[in-house]
């Protein structure tokens, strides 16, 4: 989530990211879906905001499920130089699945 926010030109602390994911995960599945992701951004023109968010979200949502999966998170983190196992990515996602 933090890297997605940075991709659209903003910054977010670890604490802010944790709170945001807890608040955004509307169905409690531990995944931030596109609709959840769009809701958390404030300001800017609505159309521009949605387009920016879609592009940032697509960076992580690579499997066509409409959510960020452990496998897609692993792939994107690897592209960013953060190498994690699928299990580690699952743990990252599960941390926010309340």
C-alpha atoms as a PDB file:
ATOM      1  CA  UNK A   1       0.000   0.000   0.000  1.00  0.00           C
ATOM      2  CA  UNK A   2       2.812   2.361   0.872  1.00  0.00           C
ATOM      3  CA  UNK A   3       4.526   1.698  -2.450  1.00  0.00           C
ATOM      4  CA  UNK A   4       1.273   2.274  -4.329  1.00  0.00           C
ATOM      5  CA  UNK A   5       0.846   5.585  -2.545  1.00  0.00           C
ATOM      6  CA  UNK A   6       4.413   6.528  -3.430  1.00  0.00           C
ATOM      7  CA  UNK A   7       3.737   5.572  -7.055  1.00  0.00           C
ATOM      8  CA  UNK A   8       1.086   8.294  -7.197  1.00  0.00           C
ATOM      9  CA  UNK A   9       3.373  10.859  -5.561  1.00  0.00           C
ATOM     10  CA  UNK A  10       2.513  10.753  -1.852  1.00  0.00           C
ATOM     11  CA  UNK A  11       4.039   9.345   1.328  1.00  0.00           C
ATOM     12  CA  UNK A  12       2.521   7.123   4.025  1.00  0.00           C
ATOM     13  CA  UNK A  13       4.060   5.901   7.290  1.00  0.00           C
ATOM     14  CA  UNK A  14       3.833   2.271   8.433  1.00  0.00           C
ATOM     15  CA  UNK A  15       1.273   3.215  11.063  1.00  0.00           C
ATOM     16  CA  UNK A  16      -0.835   5.143   8.539  1.00  0.00           C
ATOM     17  CA  UNK A  17      -0.696   2.184   6.136  1.00  0.00           C
ATOM     18  CA  UNK A  18      -1.774  -0.282   8.824  1.00  0.00           C
ATOM     19  CA  UNK A  19      -4.705   1.900   9.855  1.00  0.00           C
ATOM     20  CA  UNK A  20      -5.671   2.529   6.220  1.00  0.00           C
ATOM     21  CA  UNK A  21      -5.741  -1.180   5.387  1.00  0.00           C
ATOM     22  CA  UNK A  22      -7.801  -1.955   8.479  1.00  0.00           C
ATOM     23  CA  UNK A  23     -10.297   0.748   7.539  1.00  0.00           C
ATOM     24  CA  UNK A  24     -10.332   0.011   3.814  1.00  0.00           C
ATOM     25  CA  UNK A  25     -10.765  -3.760   3.887  1.00  0.00           C
ATOM     26  CA  UNK A  26     -14.552  -3.613   3.625  1.00  0.00           C
ATOM     27  CA  UNK A  27     -15.124  -7.375   3.318  1.00  0.00           C
ATOM     28  CA  UNK A  28     -12.541  -8.510   5.904  1.00  0.00           C
ATOM     29  CA  UNK A  29     -10.644 -10.755   3.506  1.00  0.00           C
ATOM     30  CA  UNK A  30      -7.257  -9.155   4.200  1.00  0.00           C
ATOM     31  CA  UNK A  31      -7.056  -7.813   0.667  1.00  0.00           C
ATOM     32  CA  UNK A  32      -7.522  -4.226  -0.410  1.00  0.00           C
ATOM     33  CA  UNK A  33      -9.725  -4.402  -3.503  1.00  0.00           C
ATOM     34  CA  UNK A  34      -9.795  -1.633  -6.092  1.00  0.00           C
ATOM     35  CA  UNK A  35     -12.969  -0.065  -4.687  1.00  0.00           C
ATOM     36  CA  UNK A  36     -11.403  -0.087  -1.214  1.00  0.00           C
ATOM     37  CA  UNK A  37      -8.191   1.387  -2.614  1.00  0.00           C
ATOM     38  CA  UNK A  38      -9.989   4.201  -4.430  1.00  0.00           C
ATOM     39  CA  UNK A  39     -11.907   5.227  -1.284  1.00  0.00           C
ATOM     40  CA  UNK A  40      -8.803   6.047   0.747  1.00  0.00           C
ATOM     41  CA  UNK A  41      -7.433   8.792  -1.497  1.00  0.00           C
ATOM     42  CA  UNK A  42      -8.641  12.336  -0.899  1.00  0.00           C
ATOM     43  CA  UNK A  43      -8.362  15.472  -3.024  1.00  0.00           C
ATOM     44  CA  UNK A  44      -7.750  15.996  -6.719  1.00  0.00           C
ATOM     45  CA  UNK A  45     -10.166  15.661  -9.593  1.00  0.00           C
ATOM     46  CA  UNK A  46     -12.218  12.516  -9.276  1.00  0.00           C
ATOM     47  CA  UNK A  47     -11.471  11.216 -12.777  1.00  0.00           C
ATOM     48  CA  UNK A  48      -7.731  11.891 -12.440  1.00  0.00           C
ATOM     49  CA  UNK A  49      -7.676  10.329  -8.986  1.00  0.00           C
ATOM     50  CA  UNK A  50      -9.428   7.167 -10.165  1.00  0.00           C
ATOM     51  CA  UNK A  51      -7.095   6.807 -13.156  1.00  0.00           C
ATOM     52  CA  UNK A  52      -3.992   7.252 -10.985  1.00  0.00           C
ATOM     53  CA  UNK A  53      -5.270   4.741  -8.473  1.00  0.00           C
ATOM     54  CA  UNK A  54      -6.140   2.214 -11.151  1.00  0.00           C
ATOM     55  CA  UNK A  55      -2.629   2.417 -12.562  1.00  0.00           C
ATOM     56  CA  UNK A  56      -0.999   2.052  -9.136  1.00  0.00           C
ATOM     57  CA  UNK A  57      -3.320  -0.817  -8.187  1.00  0.00           C
ATOM     58  CA  UNK A  58      -2.609  -2.632 -11.478  1.00  0.00           C
ATOM     59  CA  UNK A  59       1.059  -2.722 -10.516  1.00  0.00           C
ATOM     60  CA  UNK A  60       0.173  -5.183  -7.750  1.00  0.00           C
ATOM     61  CA  UNK A  61      -3.017  -6.824  -9.042  1.00  0.00           C
ATOM     62  CA  UNK A  62      -1.546  -8.961 -11.830  1.00  0.00           C
ATOM     63  CA  UNK A  63      -3.694 -12.062 -11.799  1.00  0.00           C
ATOM     64  CA  UNK A  64      -7.047 -10.600 -12.782  1.00  0.00           C
ATOM     65  CA  UNK A  65      -8.797 -11.378  -9.486  1.00  0.00           C
ATOM     66  CA  UNK A  66      -9.482  -7.739  -8.601  1.00  0.00           C
ATOM     67  CA  UNK A  67      -7.338  -7.908  -5.470  1.00  0.00           C
ATOM     68  CA  UNK A  68      -3.693  -8.084  -4.459  1.00  0.00           C
ATOM     69  CA  UNK A  69      -2.752 -11.738  -3.900  1.00  0.00           C
ATOM     70  CA  UNK A  70       0.385 -13.074  -2.205  1.00  0.00           C
ATOM     71  CA  UNK A  71       1.737 -14.192  -5.580  1.00  0.00           C
ATOM     72  CA  UNK A  72       1.167 -10.820  -7.261  1.00  0.00           C
ATOM     73  CA  UNK A  73       2.586  -8.992  -4.234  1.00  0.00           C
ATOM     74  CA  UNK A  74       5.708 -11.188  -4.384  1.00  0.00           C
ATOM     75  CA  UNK A  75       6.156 -10.459  -8.080  1.00  0.00           C
ATOM     76  CA  UNK A  76       5.806  -6.693  -7.701  1.00  0.00           C
ATOM     77  CA  UNK A  77       8.032  -6.519  -4.635  1.00  0.00           C
ATOM     78  CA  UNK A  78      10.675  -8.457  -6.602  1.00  0.00           C
ATOM     79  CA  UNK A  79      10.489  -5.870  -9.366  1.00  0.00           C
ATOM     80  CA  UNK A  80      11.090  -3.209  -6.735  1.00  0.00           C
ATOM     81  CA  UNK A  81      14.113  -5.067  -5.311  1.00  0.00           C
ATOM     82  CA  UNK A  82      12.277  -6.441  -2.250  1.00  0.00           C
ATOM     83  CA  UNK A  83      12.543 -10.210  -2.552  1.00  0.00           C
ATOM     84  CA  UNK A  84       9.998 -12.082  -0.410  1.00  0.00           C
ATOM     85  CA  UNK A  85       8.611 -15.600  -0.440  1.00  0.00           C
ATOM     86  CA  UNK A  86       4.937 -16.279  -1.148  1.00  0.00           C
ATOM     87  CA  UNK A  87       4.601 -17.253   2.523  1.00  0.00           C
ATOM     88  CA  UNK A  88       6.054 -13.902   3.607  1.00  0.00           C
ATOM     89  CA  UNK A  89       3.657 -12.084   1.282  1.00  0.00           C
ATOM     90  CA  UNK A  90       0.759 -14.111   2.680  1.00  0.00           C
ATOM     91  CA  UNK A  91       1.861 -13.096   6.174  1.00  0.00           C
ATOM     92  CA  UNK A  92       1.960  -9.421   5.104  1.00  0.00           C
ATOM     93  CA  UNK A  93      -1.583  -9.652   3.793  1.00  0.00           C
ATOM     94  CA  UNK A  94      -2.815 -11.734   6.765  1.00  0.00           C
ATOM     95  CA  UNK A  95      -1.483  -9.109   9.151  1.00  0.00           C
ATOM     96  CA  UNK A  96      -4.227  -6.810   7.952  1.00  0.00           C
ATOM     97  CA  UNK A  97      -6.967  -9.407   7.592  1.00  0.00           C
ATOM     98  CA  UNK A  98      -9.143  -8.758  10.611  1.00  0.00           C
END
